Amino acid sequence: MPKYKMLVFSDAAKGGDEANYNKWYNDQHIPDVCRIDGFTGAQRFKNAIDGITNYLAIYEVDAPDVAAAIANLTSKAGTDEMVMTPDIDIEGTKVMVYEVLTEPYSA
C-alpha cells in the first residue's frame, strides 16, 4: 500500500494568540488528526529563515485511498473529533499531499 506525507503550512491568525495556537496544535490538533483512520503520525517545524509561513506540520498517511482519507479528515474539522481554534489562520493554510517514493536517506 502506498504511503503519503501530508504537508500543512500554517500560521497563527492575525490578532490571534500565537502561544495558544501552538499549544492547540501540539496538544489538541495533532492527537485529533492521528486518531483518524489512515493518519499514523505527525511532526511540526518552525521556519528558521524568513518565509511565507512560519509553521509546517508533516503527517504520515497510510491509507489505500489517500483522497478518501483526506476527505474524511476534512469532514471532521470543527467537530468534537477535531476541535479547531480561532487562533489559526485557516484561510492562509496550505495543504499538499505527496506519495513517498523512497525511504529516508542517511549519510
N, C-alpha and C. Protein backbone atom coordinates (compact mmCIF):
# COMPACT_ATOMS: atom_id res chain seq x y z
N MET A 1 0.85 -1.17 0.00
CA MET A 1 0.00 0.00 0.00
C MET A 1 0.90 1.24 0.00
N PRO A 2 0.59 2.20 -0.86
CA PRO A 2 1.40 3.43 -0.89
C PRO A 2 1.30 4.18 0.43
N LYS A 3 2.38 4.89 0.76
CA LYS A 3 2.39 5.77 1.92
C LYS A 3 2.52 7.20 1.42
N TYR A 4 2.01 8.12 2.23
CA TYR A 4 1.97 9.52 1.82
C TYR A 4 2.43 10.41 2.96
N LYS A 5 2.83 11.61 2.60
CA LYS A 5 3.11 12.68 3.55
C LYS A 5 2.16 13.82 3.21
N MET A 6 1.48 14.31 4.23
CA MET A 6 0.63 15.49 4.06
C MET A 6 1.35 16.65 4.73
N LEU A 7 1.68 17.66 3.93
CA LEU A 7 2.37 18.84 4.43
C LEU A 7 1.35 19.94 4.64
N VAL A 8 1.35 20.53 5.83
CA VAL A 8 0.41 21.60 6.16
C VAL A 8 1.22 22.81 6.59
N PHE A 9 1.13 23.88 5.79
CA PHE A 9 1.80 25.14 6.09
C PHE A 9 0.77 26.06 6.71
N SER A 10 1.06 26.57 7.92
CA SER A 10 0.07 27.39 8.60
C SER A 10 0.74 28.43 9.49
N ASP A 11 -0.09 29.34 9.98
CA ASP A 11 0.32 30.42 10.88
C ASP A 11 -0.78 30.69 11.88
N ALA A 12 -0.41 31.40 12.92
CA ALA A 12 -1.42 31.93 13.83
C ALA A 12 -2.19 33.02 13.09
N ALA A 13 -3.45 33.17 13.44
CA ALA A 13 -4.29 34.20 12.83
C ALA A 13 -3.78 35.58 13.23
N LYS A 14 -3.94 36.54 12.33
CA LYS A 14 -3.63 37.93 12.68
C LYS A 14 -4.51 38.32 13.85
N GLY A 15 -3.90 38.83 14.89
CA GLY A 15 -4.65 39.16 16.10
C GLY A 15 -4.90 37.97 17.00
N GLY A 16 -4.50 36.77 16.53
CA GLY A 16 -4.66 35.56 17.34
C GLY A 16 -3.51 35.44 18.33
N ASP A 17 -3.64 34.51 19.22
CA ASP A 17 -2.63 34.26 20.24
C ASP A 17 -1.71 33.14 19.75
N GLU A 18 -0.47 33.49 19.38
CA GLU A 18 0.45 32.51 18.80
C GLU A 18 0.79 31.39 19.79
N ALA A 19 0.96 31.74 21.06
CA ALA A 19 1.25 30.70 22.05
C ALA A 19 0.07 29.73 22.18
N ASN A 20 -1.14 30.24 22.16
CA ASN A 20 -2.33 29.39 22.24
C ASN A 20 -2.46 28.54 20.97
N TYR A 21 -2.18 29.13 19.81
CA TYR A 21 -2.19 28.40 18.54
C TYR A 21 -1.23 27.21 18.61
N ASN A 22 0.01 27.43 19.09
CA ASN A 22 0.99 26.36 19.18
C ASN A 22 0.59 25.30 20.20
N LYS A 23 0.05 25.72 21.34
CA LYS A 23 -0.42 24.76 22.34
C LYS A 23 -1.55 23.91 21.77
N TRP A 24 -2.52 24.56 21.12
CA TRP A 24 -3.63 23.83 20.50
C TRP A 24 -3.09 22.84 19.46
N TYR A 25 -2.19 23.30 18.59
CA TYR A 25 -1.68 22.45 17.52
C TYR A 25 -0.98 21.22 18.10
N ASN A 26 -0.10 21.45 19.06
CA ASN A 26 0.70 20.35 19.62
C ASN A 26 -0.12 19.41 20.50
N ASP A 27 -0.97 19.99 21.36
CA ASP A 27 -1.65 19.19 22.38
C ASP A 27 -3.03 18.70 21.97
N GLN A 28 -3.68 19.37 21.04
CA GLN A 28 -5.05 19.01 20.65
C GLN A 28 -5.12 18.52 19.21
N HIS A 29 -4.62 19.34 18.29
CA HIS A 29 -4.85 19.06 16.86
C HIS A 29 -4.11 17.82 16.36
N ILE A 30 -2.83 17.73 16.65
CA ILE A 30 -2.08 16.57 16.16
C ILE A 30 -2.67 15.27 16.72
N PRO A 31 -2.95 15.17 18.03
CA PRO A 31 -3.59 13.93 18.50
C PRO A 31 -4.95 13.67 17.85
N ASP A 32 -5.75 14.73 17.65
CA ASP A 32 -7.05 14.56 16.98
C ASP A 32 -6.87 13.98 15.58
N VAL A 33 -5.95 14.56 14.81
CA VAL A 33 -5.73 14.09 13.43
C VAL A 33 -5.23 12.65 13.45
N CYS A 34 -4.32 12.33 14.35
CA CYS A 34 -3.73 10.99 14.36
C CYS A 34 -4.69 9.91 14.86
N ARG A 35 -5.84 10.29 15.37
CA ARG A 35 -6.88 9.32 15.71
C ARG A 35 -7.76 8.98 14.51
N ILE A 36 -7.62 9.72 13.44
CA ILE A 36 -8.43 9.49 12.24
C ILE A 36 -7.78 8.38 11.41
N ASP A 37 -8.62 7.47 10.89
CA ASP A 37 -8.12 6.34 10.10
C ASP A 37 -7.18 6.83 8.99
N GLY A 38 -6.03 6.18 8.91
CA GLY A 38 -5.07 6.47 7.86
C GLY A 38 -3.97 7.42 8.28
N PHE A 39 -4.15 8.18 9.35
CA PHE A 39 -3.15 9.13 9.82
C PHE A 39 -2.40 8.50 10.98
N THR A 40 -1.10 8.25 10.77
CA THR A 40 -0.36 7.42 11.71
C THR A 40 0.71 8.16 12.49
N GLY A 41 0.96 9.42 12.20
CA GLY A 41 1.97 10.16 12.93
C GLY A 41 2.09 11.57 12.40
N ALA A 42 2.79 12.42 13.16
CA ALA A 42 2.95 13.80 12.74
C ALA A 42 4.15 14.42 13.43
N GLN A 43 4.68 15.45 12.81
CA GLN A 43 5.78 16.23 13.38
C GLN A 43 5.63 17.66 12.92
N ARG A 44 5.94 18.63 13.81
CA ARG A 44 5.85 20.06 13.47
C ARG A 44 7.22 20.69 13.39
N PHE A 45 7.27 21.77 12.61
CA PHE A 45 8.51 22.51 12.41
C PHE A 45 8.21 24.01 12.43
N LYS A 46 9.21 24.80 12.82
CA LYS A 46 9.09 26.26 12.75
C LYS A 46 10.12 26.75 11.74
N ASN A 47 9.69 27.65 10.86
CA ASN A 47 10.56 28.20 9.83
C ASN A 47 11.76 28.89 10.48
N ALA A 48 12.95 28.54 10.05
CA ALA A 48 14.17 29.10 10.61
C ALA A 48 14.70 30.28 9.81
N ILE A 49 14.17 30.48 8.62
CA ILE A 49 14.58 31.57 7.74
C ILE A 49 13.30 32.27 7.29
N ASP A 50 13.37 33.58 7.07
CA ASP A 50 12.18 34.31 6.63
C ASP A 50 11.49 33.56 5.51
N GLY A 51 10.19 33.41 5.67
CA GLY A 51 9.42 32.69 4.67
C GLY A 51 7.99 33.17 4.64
N ILE A 52 7.21 32.52 3.81
CA ILE A 52 5.81 32.90 3.66
C ILE A 52 5.00 32.45 4.87
N THR A 53 5.26 31.24 5.36
CA THR A 53 4.55 30.75 6.55
C THR A 53 5.58 30.40 7.62
N ASN A 54 5.14 30.45 8.86
CA ASN A 54 6.05 30.20 9.98
C ASN A 54 6.09 28.75 10.42
N TYR A 55 5.02 28.00 10.15
CA TYR A 55 4.94 26.64 10.69
C TYR A 55 4.61 25.61 9.62
N LEU A 56 5.18 24.41 9.82
CA LEU A 56 4.93 23.28 8.94
C LEU A 56 4.63 22.06 9.81
N ALA A 57 3.59 21.34 9.47
CA ALA A 57 3.31 20.04 10.09
C ALA A 57 3.37 19.00 8.97
N ILE A 58 4.05 17.91 9.24
CA ILE A 58 4.12 16.81 8.28
C ILE A 58 3.45 15.60 8.92
N TYR A 59 2.39 15.14 8.27
CA TYR A 59 1.62 13.99 8.75
C TYR A 59 1.96 12.76 7.93
N GLU A 60 2.03 11.62 8.60
CA GLU A 60 2.20 10.33 7.94
C GLU A 60 0.80 9.82 7.59
N VAL A 61 0.62 9.45 6.32
CA VAL A 61 -0.68 8.93 5.89
C VAL A 61 -0.46 7.56 5.27
N ASP A 62 -1.12 6.58 5.82
CA ASP A 62 -1.00 5.20 5.36
C ASP A 62 -2.43 4.70 5.10
N ALA A 63 -2.88 4.93 3.87
CA ALA A 63 -4.28 4.62 3.52
C ALA A 63 -4.35 4.10 2.09
N PRO A 64 -5.23 3.14 1.81
CA PRO A 64 -5.35 2.63 0.44
C PRO A 64 -5.89 3.68 -0.52
N ASP A 65 -6.67 4.63 -0.02
CA ASP A 65 -7.24 5.69 -0.86
C ASP A 65 -6.97 7.02 -0.16
N VAL A 66 -5.88 7.68 -0.53
CA VAL A 66 -5.47 8.91 0.16
C VAL A 66 -6.52 10.01 0.02
N ALA A 67 -7.17 10.10 -1.13
CA ALA A 67 -8.20 11.13 -1.32
C ALA A 67 -9.36 10.92 -0.34
N ALA A 68 -9.75 9.67 -0.13
CA ALA A 68 -10.83 9.37 0.82
C ALA A 68 -10.38 9.68 2.25
N ALA A 69 -9.12 9.39 2.58
CA ALA A 69 -8.61 9.69 3.92
C ALA A 69 -8.62 11.20 4.17
N ILE A 70 -8.20 11.98 3.18
CA ILE A 70 -8.19 13.45 3.31
C ILE A 70 -9.63 13.97 3.41
N ALA A 71 -10.54 13.43 2.62
CA ALA A 71 -11.95 13.86 2.69
C ALA A 71 -12.54 13.54 4.06
N ASN A 72 -12.20 12.38 4.62
CA ASN A 72 -12.66 12.01 5.94
C ASN A 72 -12.11 12.98 6.99
N LEU A 73 -10.84 13.30 6.89
CA LEU A 73 -10.22 14.27 7.79
C LEU A 73 -10.93 15.62 7.70
N THR A 74 -11.13 16.11 6.51
CA THR A 74 -11.76 17.41 6.30
C THR A 74 -13.17 17.44 6.87
N SER A 75 -13.89 16.34 6.74
CA SER A 75 -15.28 16.29 7.23
C SER A 75 -15.36 16.40 8.75
N LYS A 76 -14.27 16.12 9.44
CA LYS A 76 -14.27 16.14 10.90
C LYS A 76 -13.86 17.50 11.48
N ALA A 77 -13.33 18.40 10.65
CA ALA A 77 -12.88 19.71 11.13
C ALA A 77 -14.04 20.47 11.77
N GLY A 78 -13.79 20.95 12.98
CA GLY A 78 -14.81 21.72 13.68
C GLY A 78 -15.80 20.87 14.47
N THR A 79 -15.61 19.55 14.48
CA THR A 79 -16.48 18.67 15.27
C THR A 79 -15.76 18.31 16.57
N ASP A 80 -16.43 17.54 17.43
CA ASP A 80 -15.80 17.08 18.66
C ASP A 80 -14.60 16.17 18.38
N GLU A 81 -14.57 15.57 17.19
CA GLU A 81 -13.45 14.70 16.83
C GLU A 81 -12.21 15.47 16.39
N MET A 82 -12.41 16.71 15.94
CA MET A 82 -11.27 17.54 15.52
C MET A 82 -11.60 19.00 15.85
N VAL A 83 -11.35 19.33 17.10
CA VAL A 83 -11.62 20.66 17.62
C VAL A 83 -10.69 21.67 16.95
N MET A 84 -11.25 22.80 16.53
CA MET A 84 -10.46 23.86 15.89
C MET A 84 -10.31 25.04 16.85
N THR A 85 -9.43 25.95 16.50
CA THR A 85 -9.21 27.15 17.31
C THR A 85 -9.31 28.38 16.42
N PRO A 86 -9.80 29.48 16.96
CA PRO A 86 -9.82 30.72 16.18
C PRO A 86 -8.41 31.32 16.03
N ASP A 87 -7.44 30.74 16.71
CA ASP A 87 -6.08 31.27 16.66
C ASP A 87 -5.28 30.81 15.44
N ILE A 88 -5.87 29.97 14.58
CA ILE A 88 -5.19 29.56 13.34
C ILE A 88 -5.73 30.38 12.17
N ASP A 89 -4.81 30.77 11.29
CA ASP A 89 -5.21 31.45 10.05
C ASP A 89 -5.61 30.38 9.04
N ILE A 90 -6.86 29.96 9.12
CA ILE A 90 -7.33 28.85 8.29
C ILE A 90 -7.34 29.23 6.81
N GLU A 91 -7.62 30.49 6.50
CA GLU A 91 -7.64 30.93 5.09
C GLU A 91 -6.25 30.88 4.47
N GLY A 92 -5.22 31.11 5.27
CA GLY A 92 -3.85 31.10 4.76
C GLY A 92 -3.18 29.75 4.82
N THR A 93 -3.87 28.76 5.37
CA THR A 93 -3.29 27.42 5.49
C THR A 93 -3.25 26.72 4.14
N LYS A 94 -2.11 26.12 3.83
CA LYS A 94 -1.93 25.38 2.58
C LYS A 94 -1.64 23.93 2.89
N VAL A 95 -2.27 23.03 2.14
CA VAL A 95 -2.10 21.58 2.34
C VAL A 95 -1.65 20.96 1.03
N MET A 96 -0.62 20.12 1.11
CA MET A 96 -0.12 19.38 -0.05
C MET A 96 0.08 17.93 0.38
N VAL A 97 -0.22 17.00 -0.52
CA VAL A 97 -0.07 15.58 -0.21
C VAL A 97 0.86 14.96 -1.26
N TYR A 98 1.87 14.24 -0.77
CA TYR A 98 2.85 13.62 -1.64
C TYR A 98 2.94 12.13 -1.35
N GLU A 99 3.08 11.33 -2.40
CA GLU A 99 3.33 9.90 -2.24
C GLU A 99 4.82 9.70 -1.95
N VAL A 100 5.12 8.84 -0.99
CA VAL A 100 6.51 8.53 -0.64
C VAL A 100 7.10 7.64 -1.73
N LEU A 101 8.24 8.04 -2.26
CA LEU A 101 8.90 7.27 -3.31
C LEU A 101 10.12 6.51 -2.79
N THR A 102 10.78 7.03 -1.75
CA THR A 102 11.98 6.41 -1.22
C THR A 102 11.94 6.42 0.31
N GLU A 103 12.73 5.57 0.89
CA GLU A 103 12.95 5.63 2.34
C GLU A 103 13.89 6.81 2.60
N PRO A 104 13.89 7.33 3.83
CA PRO A 104 14.82 8.43 4.14
C PRO A 104 16.26 8.00 3.90
N TYR A 105 17.06 8.89 3.39
CA TYR A 105 18.47 8.63 3.12
C TYR A 105 19.29 9.21 4.26
N SER A 106 20.26 8.47 4.72
CA SER A 106 21.20 8.96 5.75
C SER A 106 22.61 8.76 5.24
N ALA A 107 23.44 9.75 5.45
CA ALA A 107 24.85 9.67 5.02
C ALA A 107 25.68 8.93 6.04
